[in-house]
Amino acid sequence: MQIKNKLFILSDSLNPDIYINIIVSSVRQFKVKEVELIHILDEDNESENKLSMSSKILKQFELILEGKYNLYNNVTGTYTVEELEGYNDDIYNFYKKSYDVFAKHVNENNVTLNEFFYIIKKIKNSTDFLFDITGLKKICLPILFLYL
């Protein structure tokens, strides 16, 4: 297993659910010690741009550690906090280290699409990182691969 120091999450979604698993897997499996969130701003939705992706992910982690989950309803676009069934110390311990890494070592960059490609070009020669593109609109993928 190769140790990676940094996880880059490339995204244009503010839904925290899709990031929890990749953060946990990266910390547990690859010993990631730092998370870099690169959020591509929605140039058509100014109010969405003011929201912090890292704070939403952190809040979801905190709820999980309390035995709760902030469940998103796709139909209404709202969240409701639900109690997790079968919550125990094993679940707490499973998420705790990843929460600690994320809470202490996260950097968030809110960028335009052009700035995003500049960042990709800048880091492409480094080998000490992982990329996650789960939350990235699929239309960006062909362009992303041109830069990598």
N, C-alpha and C. Protein backbone atom coordinates (compact mmCIF):
# COMPACT_ATOMS: atom_id res chain seq x y z
N MET A 1 0.84 -1.18 0.00
CA MET A 1 0.00 0.00 0.00
C MET A 1 0.88 1.24 0.00
N GLN A 2 0.64 2.11 -0.94
CA GLN A 2 1.41 3.34 -1.04
C GLN A 2 0.73 4.44 -0.23
N ILE A 3 1.50 5.14 0.59
CA ILE A 3 0.95 6.22 1.40
C ILE A 3 0.85 7.48 0.56
N LYS A 4 -0.30 8.13 0.63
CA LYS A 4 -0.53 9.39 -0.05
C LYS A 4 -0.80 10.44 1.03
N ASN A 5 -0.17 11.58 0.91
CA ASN A 5 -0.34 12.61 1.94
C ASN A 5 -1.58 13.46 1.76
N LYS A 6 -2.05 13.63 0.54
CA LYS A 6 -3.14 14.56 0.30
C LYS A 6 -4.20 13.96 -0.61
N LEU A 7 -5.45 14.25 -0.27
CA LEU A 7 -6.59 13.88 -1.10
C LEU A 7 -7.16 15.16 -1.70
N PHE A 8 -7.23 15.23 -3.02
CA PHE A 8 -7.88 16.33 -3.72
C PHE A 8 -9.29 15.87 -4.08
N ILE A 9 -10.28 16.60 -3.60
CA ILE A 9 -11.67 16.33 -3.97
C ILE A 9 -12.08 17.43 -4.93
N LEU A 10 -12.35 17.04 -6.16
CA LEU A 10 -12.76 17.98 -7.20
C LEU A 10 -14.28 17.91 -7.30
N SER A 11 -14.95 19.04 -7.16
CA SER A 11 -16.39 18.98 -7.07
C SER A 11 -17.08 20.23 -7.55
N ASP A 12 -18.33 20.06 -7.92
CA ASP A 12 -19.21 21.19 -8.14
C ASP A 12 -20.54 20.96 -7.42
N SER A 13 -20.57 20.02 -6.49
CA SER A 13 -21.76 19.71 -5.70
C SER A 13 -21.51 20.06 -4.23
N LEU A 14 -22.54 20.57 -3.56
CA LEU A 14 -22.43 20.89 -2.13
C LEU A 14 -23.09 19.83 -1.25
N ASN A 15 -23.45 18.70 -1.81
CA ASN A 15 -24.05 17.63 -1.01
C ASN A 15 -22.93 16.88 -0.28
N PRO A 16 -22.88 16.95 1.05
CA PRO A 16 -21.77 16.35 1.80
C PRO A 16 -21.72 14.82 1.76
N ASP A 17 -22.85 14.19 1.49
CA ASP A 17 -22.90 12.72 1.54
C ASP A 17 -21.87 12.06 0.63
N ILE A 18 -21.67 12.60 -0.55
CA ILE A 18 -20.80 11.93 -1.51
C ILE A 18 -19.32 12.01 -1.12
N TYR A 19 -18.98 12.87 -0.16
CA TYR A 19 -17.57 13.03 0.22
C TYR A 19 -17.16 12.24 1.45
N ILE A 20 -18.11 11.91 2.30
CA ILE A 20 -17.79 11.20 3.55
C ILE A 20 -17.06 9.89 3.26
N ASN A 21 -17.60 9.07 2.38
CA ASN A 21 -16.99 7.75 2.11
C ASN A 21 -15.60 7.86 1.52
N ILE A 22 -15.38 8.79 0.58
CA ILE A 22 -14.05 8.90 -0.02
C ILE A 22 -13.05 9.40 1.00
N ILE A 23 -13.45 10.29 1.89
CA ILE A 23 -12.54 10.78 2.93
C ILE A 23 -12.18 9.63 3.87
N VAL A 24 -13.17 8.90 4.33
CA VAL A 24 -12.93 7.78 5.24
C VAL A 24 -12.05 6.72 4.57
N SER A 25 -12.37 6.35 3.34
CA SER A 25 -11.57 5.34 2.64
C SER A 25 -10.13 5.79 2.43
N SER A 26 -9.95 7.05 2.08
CA SER A 26 -8.60 7.57 1.81
C SER A 26 -7.76 7.63 3.09
N VAL A 27 -8.36 8.03 4.19
CA VAL A 27 -7.63 8.08 5.46
C VAL A 27 -7.30 6.67 5.94
N ARG A 28 -8.26 5.77 5.86
CA ARG A 28 -8.04 4.41 6.37
C ARG A 28 -7.12 3.59 5.46
N GLN A 29 -7.34 3.62 4.17
CA GLN A 29 -6.61 2.77 3.26
C GLN A 29 -5.28 3.35 2.81
N PHE A 30 -5.23 4.65 2.53
CA PHE A 30 -4.03 5.26 1.97
C PHE A 30 -3.30 6.18 2.94
N LYS A 31 -3.82 6.27 4.17
CA LYS A 31 -3.18 7.07 5.23
C LYS A 31 -3.09 8.55 4.86
N VAL A 32 -4.08 9.06 4.12
CA VAL A 32 -4.13 10.47 3.76
C VAL A 32 -4.15 11.31 5.04
N LYS A 33 -3.39 12.39 5.01
CA LYS A 33 -3.27 13.25 6.18
C LYS A 33 -3.81 14.66 5.95
N GLU A 34 -4.23 14.95 4.72
CA GLU A 34 -4.72 16.28 4.39
C GLU A 34 -5.73 16.18 3.26
N VAL A 35 -6.75 17.04 3.33
CA VAL A 35 -7.79 17.06 2.30
C VAL A 35 -7.84 18.45 1.69
N GLU A 36 -7.83 18.48 0.37
CA GLU A 36 -7.94 19.73 -0.38
C GLU A 36 -9.24 19.67 -1.18
N LEU A 37 -10.20 20.51 -0.79
CA LEU A 37 -11.47 20.58 -1.50
C LEU A 37 -11.36 21.65 -2.57
N ILE A 38 -11.60 21.28 -3.79
CA ILE A 38 -11.60 22.24 -4.88
C ILE A 38 -13.02 22.26 -5.43
N HIS A 39 -13.73 23.31 -5.05
CA HIS A 39 -15.13 23.45 -5.41
C HIS A 39 -15.26 24.42 -6.57
N ILE A 40 -15.76 23.92 -7.68
CA ILE A 40 -15.98 24.77 -8.85
C ILE A 40 -17.28 25.53 -8.65
N LEU A 41 -17.17 26.85 -8.63
CA LEU A 41 -18.32 27.70 -8.37
C LEU A 41 -19.33 27.64 -9.50
N ASP A 42 -20.59 27.72 -9.10
CA ASP A 42 -21.67 27.81 -10.06
C ASP A 42 -21.85 29.28 -10.42
N GLU A 43 -21.39 29.65 -11.59
CA GLU A 43 -21.41 31.06 -11.99
C GLU A 43 -22.83 31.60 -12.16
N ASP A 44 -23.82 30.71 -12.26
CA ASP A 44 -25.21 31.14 -12.42
C ASP A 44 -25.97 31.21 -11.10
N ASN A 45 -25.36 30.72 -10.01
CA ASN A 45 -26.06 30.66 -8.72
C ASN A 45 -25.19 31.27 -7.62
N GLU A 46 -25.26 32.57 -7.45
CA GLU A 46 -24.42 33.28 -6.48
C GLU A 46 -24.67 32.83 -5.05
N SER A 47 -25.92 32.53 -4.68
CA SER A 47 -26.21 32.14 -3.29
C SER A 47 -25.54 30.81 -2.94
N GLU A 48 -25.48 29.88 -3.89
CA GLU A 48 -24.83 28.59 -3.64
C GLU A 48 -23.33 28.78 -3.44
N ASN A 49 -22.75 29.72 -4.12
CA ASN A 49 -21.31 29.95 -4.04
C ASN A 49 -20.87 30.39 -2.65
N LYS A 50 -21.76 30.95 -1.86
CA LYS A 50 -21.40 31.44 -0.54
C LYS A 50 -21.37 30.32 0.51
N LEU A 51 -21.87 29.16 0.17
CA LEU A 51 -21.90 28.05 1.12
C LEU A 51 -20.54 27.35 1.16
N SER A 52 -20.15 26.95 2.33
CA SER A 52 -18.87 26.27 2.50
C SER A 52 -19.07 24.76 2.45
N MET A 53 -18.43 24.13 1.49
CA MET A 53 -18.52 22.69 1.37
C MET A 53 -17.89 22.01 2.58
N SER A 54 -16.74 22.51 3.03
CA SER A 54 -16.06 21.88 4.16
C SER A 54 -16.90 21.93 5.43
N SER A 55 -17.61 23.02 5.67
CA SER A 55 -18.45 23.10 6.87
C SER A 55 -19.62 22.12 6.80
N LYS A 56 -20.16 21.91 5.60
CA LYS A 56 -21.25 20.93 5.45
C LYS A 56 -20.74 19.50 5.68
N ILE A 57 -19.56 19.19 5.18
CA ILE A 57 -18.98 17.86 5.39
C ILE A 57 -18.66 17.67 6.87
N LEU A 58 -18.08 18.67 7.48
CA LEU A 58 -17.74 18.60 8.91
C LEU A 58 -18.99 18.38 9.76
N LYS A 59 -20.06 19.09 9.45
CA LYS A 59 -21.32 18.93 10.18
C LYS A 59 -21.86 17.51 10.02
N GLN A 60 -21.76 16.94 8.80
CA GLN A 60 -22.24 15.58 8.59
C GLN A 60 -21.41 14.59 9.41
N PHE A 61 -20.09 14.78 9.42
CA PHE A 61 -19.22 13.94 10.26
C PHE A 61 -19.63 14.03 11.73
N GLU A 62 -19.85 15.25 12.22
CA GLU A 62 -20.21 15.45 13.63
C GLU A 62 -21.51 14.76 13.97
N LEU A 63 -22.48 14.84 13.08
CA LEU A 63 -23.74 14.16 13.31
C LEU A 63 -23.55 12.65 13.36
N ILE A 64 -22.75 12.11 12.45
CA ILE A 64 -22.48 10.66 12.44
C ILE A 64 -21.84 10.24 13.77
N LEU A 65 -20.91 11.04 14.26
CA LEU A 65 -20.26 10.71 15.53
C LEU A 65 -21.23 10.78 16.71
N GLU A 66 -22.35 11.49 16.55
CA GLU A 66 -23.40 11.55 17.58
C GLU A 66 -24.47 10.49 17.37
N GLY A 67 -24.32 9.67 16.32
CA GLY A 67 -25.32 8.64 16.04
C GLY A 67 -26.50 9.15 15.24
N LYS A 68 -26.27 10.23 14.47
CA LYS A 68 -27.32 10.84 13.67
C LYS A 68 -26.85 11.00 12.24
N TYR A 69 -27.79 11.34 11.37
CA TYR A 69 -27.45 11.54 9.97
C TYR A 69 -28.35 12.62 9.39
N ASN A 70 -27.76 13.56 8.67
CA ASN A 70 -28.50 14.63 8.02
C ASN A 70 -28.90 14.14 6.64
N LEU A 71 -30.10 13.63 6.53
CA LEU A 71 -30.60 12.97 5.32
C LEU A 71 -31.17 13.99 4.35
N TYR A 72 -30.67 13.94 3.11
CA TYR A 72 -31.12 14.85 2.06
C TYR A 72 -32.28 14.24 1.30
N ASN A 73 -33.33 15.02 1.09
CA ASN A 73 -34.49 14.59 0.32
C ASN A 73 -34.38 15.19 -1.07
N ASN A 74 -34.15 14.36 -2.07
CA ASN A 74 -33.98 14.84 -3.45
C ASN A 74 -35.23 15.53 -4.00
N VAL A 75 -36.39 15.12 -3.55
CA VAL A 75 -37.64 15.67 -4.06
C VAL A 75 -37.86 17.10 -3.54
N THR A 76 -37.67 17.29 -2.23
CA THR A 76 -37.95 18.60 -1.64
C THR A 76 -36.72 19.50 -1.56
N GLY A 77 -35.53 18.91 -1.66
CA GLY A 77 -34.30 19.69 -1.54
C GLY A 77 -34.00 20.12 -0.11
N THR A 78 -34.57 19.38 0.84
CA THR A 78 -34.37 19.72 2.25
C THR A 78 -33.65 18.58 2.98
N TYR A 79 -33.17 18.90 4.17
CA TYR A 79 -32.49 17.92 5.02
C TYR A 79 -33.31 17.68 6.29
N THR A 80 -33.28 16.44 6.79
CA THR A 80 -33.85 16.12 8.10
C THR A 80 -32.84 15.26 8.85
N VAL A 81 -32.67 15.56 10.13
CA VAL A 81 -31.73 14.79 10.96
C VAL A 81 -32.45 13.54 11.46
N GLU A 82 -31.84 12.39 11.17
CA GLU A 82 -32.40 11.09 11.54
C GLU A 82 -31.45 10.38 12.50
N GLU A 83 -31.99 9.57 13.38
CA GLU A 83 -31.17 8.72 14.25
C GLU A 83 -30.67 7.53 13.45
N LEU A 84 -29.39 7.17 13.62
CA LEU A 84 -28.83 6.00 12.94
C LEU A 84 -29.22 4.74 13.70
N GLU A 85 -29.75 3.77 12.98
CA GLU A 85 -30.09 2.48 13.59
C GLU A 85 -28.82 1.68 13.82
N GLY A 86 -28.74 0.99 14.93
CA GLY A 86 -27.60 0.12 15.22
C GLY A 86 -26.31 0.86 15.51
N TYR A 87 -26.40 2.13 15.85
CA TYR A 87 -25.20 2.92 16.12
C TYR A 87 -24.52 2.39 17.38
N ASN A 88 -23.19 2.26 17.31
CA ASN A 88 -22.43 1.78 18.46
C ASN A 88 -21.00 2.33 18.42
N ASP A 89 -20.17 1.91 19.37
CA ASP A 89 -18.79 2.39 19.46
C ASP A 89 -17.97 2.02 18.23
N ASP A 90 -18.26 0.89 17.61
CA ASP A 90 -17.52 0.49 16.41
C ASP A 90 -17.74 1.50 15.27
N ILE A 91 -18.96 1.95 15.12
CA ILE A 91 -19.26 2.94 14.08
C ILE A 91 -18.58 4.26 14.42
N TYR A 92 -18.66 4.66 15.68
CA TYR A 92 -17.98 5.88 16.12
C TYR A 92 -16.49 5.81 15.80
N ASN A 93 -15.86 4.71 16.19
CA ASN A 93 -14.41 4.55 15.96
C ASN A 93 -14.06 4.49 14.48
N PHE A 94 -14.95 3.94 13.67
CA PHE A 94 -14.72 3.85 12.23
C PHE A 94 -14.58 5.24 11.61
N TYR A 95 -15.39 6.20 12.06
CA TYR A 95 -15.40 7.55 11.49
C TYR A 95 -14.51 8.56 12.22
N LYS A 96 -14.15 8.29 13.46
CA LYS A 96 -13.47 9.28 14.29
C LYS A 96 -12.13 9.75 13.72
N LYS A 97 -11.25 8.85 13.32
CA LYS A 97 -9.94 9.26 12.81
C LYS A 97 -10.08 10.11 11.55
N SER A 98 -10.98 9.72 10.67
CA SER A 98 -11.20 10.49 9.44
C SER A 98 -11.75 11.87 9.76
N TYR A 99 -12.63 11.94 10.73
CA TYR A 99 -13.14 13.24 11.18
C TYR A 99 -12.00 14.10 11.70
N ASP A 100 -11.13 13.53 12.51
CA ASP A 100 -10.00 14.29 13.07
C ASP A 100 -9.08 14.83 11.97
N VAL A 101 -8.76 13.99 11.00
CA VAL A 101 -7.91 14.43 9.88
C VAL A 101 -8.60 15.56 9.13
N PHE A 102 -9.86 15.35 8.81
CA PHE A 102 -10.60 16.35 8.04
C PHE A 102 -10.71 17.66 8.82
N ALA A 103 -11.09 17.59 10.08
CA ALA A 103 -11.32 18.80 10.88
C ALA A 103 -10.05 19.62 11.05
N LYS A 104 -8.91 18.97 11.13
CA LYS A 104 -7.65 19.67 11.40
C LYS A 104 -6.84 19.99 10.14
N HIS A 105 -7.09 19.28 9.06
CA HIS A 105 -6.23 19.41 7.87
C HIS A 105 -7.04 19.49 6.58
N VAL A 106 -7.96 20.43 6.54
CA VAL A 106 -8.74 20.64 5.32
C VAL A 106 -8.48 22.05 4.80
N ASN A 107 -8.37 22.14 3.50
CA ASN A 107 -8.23 23.42 2.83
C ASN A 107 -9.27 23.46 1.73
N GLU A 108 -10.04 24.53 1.68
CA GLU A 108 -11.09 24.62 0.67
C GLU A 108 -10.80 25.77 -0.27
N ASN A 109 -10.86 25.47 -1.56
CA ASN A 109 -10.70 26.48 -2.60
C ASN A 109 -11.97 26.54 -3.42
N ASN A 110 -12.60 27.70 -3.42
CA ASN A 110 -13.75 27.93 -4.28
C ASN A 110 -13.22 28.65 -5.51
N VAL A 111 -13.34 28.00 -6.66
CA VAL A 111 -12.69 28.51 -7.86
C VAL A 111 -13.65 28.54 -9.04
N THR A 112 -13.32 29.35 -10.02
CA THR A 112 -14.05 29.33 -11.28
C THR A 112 -13.51 28.16 -12.10
N LEU A 113 -14.16 27.85 -13.18
CA LEU A 113 -13.71 26.75 -14.03
C LEU A 113 -12.30 27.00 -14.57
N ASN A 114 -12.01 28.23 -14.98
CA ASN A 114 -10.66 28.54 -15.47
C ASN A 114 -9.61 28.38 -14.39
N GLU A 115 -9.91 28.83 -13.17
CA GLU A 115 -8.97 28.66 -12.05
C GLU A 115 -8.76 27.19 -11.73
N PHE A 116 -9.82 26.40 -11.87
CA PHE A 116 -9.75 24.96 -11.63
C PHE A 116 -8.72 24.31 -12.55
N PHE A 117 -8.75 24.65 -13.82
CA PHE A 117 -7.80 24.05 -14.76
C PHE A 117 -6.38 24.51 -14.48
N TYR A 118 -6.21 25.72 -14.02
CA TYR A 118 -4.89 26.21 -13.63
C TYR A 118 -4.34 25.39 -12.46
N ILE A 119 -5.18 25.10 -11.48
CA ILE A 119 -4.77 24.29 -10.32
C ILE A 119 -4.37 22.90 -10.77
N ILE A 120 -5.14 22.31 -11.66
CA ILE A 120 -4.83 20.96 -12.16
C ILE A 120 -3.49 20.95 -12.87
N LYS A 121 -3.24 21.93 -13.70
CA LYS A 121 -1.95 22.01 -14.40
C LYS A 121 -0.80 22.14 -13.41
N LYS A 122 -1.02 22.89 -12.36
CA LYS A 122 0.02 23.16 -11.37
C LYS A 122 0.42 21.90 -10.59
N ILE A 123 -0.54 21.03 -10.29
CA ILE A 123 -0.23 19.86 -9.47
C ILE A 123 -0.02 18.58 -10.27
N LYS A 124 -0.18 18.61 -11.56
CA LYS A 124 -0.17 17.37 -12.34
C LYS A 124 1.16 16.62 -12.29
N ASN A 125 2.26 17.25 -12.02
CA ASN A 125 3.54 16.56 -11.97
C ASN A 125 3.87 15.96 -10.61
N SER A 126 3.05 16.24 -9.63
CA SER A 126 3.25 15.68 -8.30
C SER A 126 2.67 14.26 -8.27
N THR A 127 3.20 13.41 -7.42
CA THR A 127 2.71 12.03 -7.33
C THR A 127 2.21 11.67 -5.94
N ASP A 128 2.24 12.60 -5.03
CA ASP A 128 1.93 12.31 -3.64
C ASP A 128 0.49 12.71 -3.27
N PHE A 129 -0.47 12.33 -4.11
CA PHE A 129 -1.85 12.70 -3.83
C PHE A 129 -2.81 11.71 -4.49
N LEU A 130 -4.06 11.79 -4.06
CA LEU A 130 -5.16 11.06 -4.67
C LEU A 130 -6.16 12.09 -5.18
N PHE A 131 -6.88 11.75 -6.24
CA PHE A 131 -7.95 12.58 -6.77
C PHE A 131 -9.28 11.87 -6.56
N ASP A 132 -10.30 12.63 -6.21
CA ASP A 132 -11.66 12.09 -6.22
C ASP A 132 -12.50 13.02 -7.10
N ILE A 133 -13.19 12.43 -8.05
CA ILE A 133 -14.02 13.22 -8.96
C ILE A 133 -15.49 12.81 -8.88
N THR A 134 -15.87 12.15 -7.79
CA THR A 134 -17.24 11.68 -7.62
C THR A 134 -18.25 12.81 -7.75
N GLY A 135 -17.96 13.97 -7.15
CA GLY A 135 -18.91 15.08 -7.16
C GLY A 135 -18.71 16.05 -8.29
N LEU A 136 -18.00 15.66 -9.31
CA LEU A 136 -17.72 16.54 -10.43
C LEU A 136 -18.68 16.24 -11.58
N LYS A 137 -19.25 17.28 -12.16
CA LYS A 137 -20.15 17.06 -13.30
C LYS A 137 -19.39 16.33 -14.40
N LYS A 138 -20.02 15.35 -14.96
CA LYS A 138 -19.37 14.50 -15.95
C LYS A 138 -18.95 15.27 -17.21
N ILE A 139 -19.57 16.40 -17.45
CA ILE A 139 -19.19 17.20 -18.61
C ILE A 139 -17.77 17.75 -18.47
N CYS A 140 -17.28 17.87 -17.23
CA CYS A 140 -15.92 18.39 -16.98
C CYS A 140 -14.84 17.32 -17.19
N LEU A 141 -15.20 16.06 -17.16
CA LEU A 141 -14.20 14.99 -17.21
C LEU A 141 -13.32 15.00 -18.46
N PRO A 142 -13.88 15.11 -19.66
CA PRO A 142 -12.98 15.12 -20.83
C PRO A 142 -11.97 16.26 -20.78
N ILE A 143 -12.41 17.41 -20.33
CA ILE A 143 -11.50 18.56 -20.23
C ILE A 143 -10.46 18.31 -19.15
N LEU A 144 -10.87 17.72 -18.03
CA LEU A 144 -9.94 17.41 -16.94
C LEU A 144 -8.82 16.51 -17.44
N PHE A 145 -9.15 15.48 -18.19
CA PHE A 145 -8.14 14.54 -18.65
C PHE A 145 -7.18 15.16 -19.65
N LEU A 146 -7.57 16.22 -20.30
CA LEU A 146 -6.65 16.92 -21.18
C LEU A 146 -5.52 17.58 -20.38
N TYR A 147 -5.83 17.97 -19.16
CA TYR A 147 -4.85 18.67 -18.32
C TYR A 147 -3.99 17.72 -17.51
N LEU A 148 -4.44 16.49 -17.33
CA LEU A 148 -3.65 15.54 -16.50
C LEU A 148 -2.64 14.78 -17.29
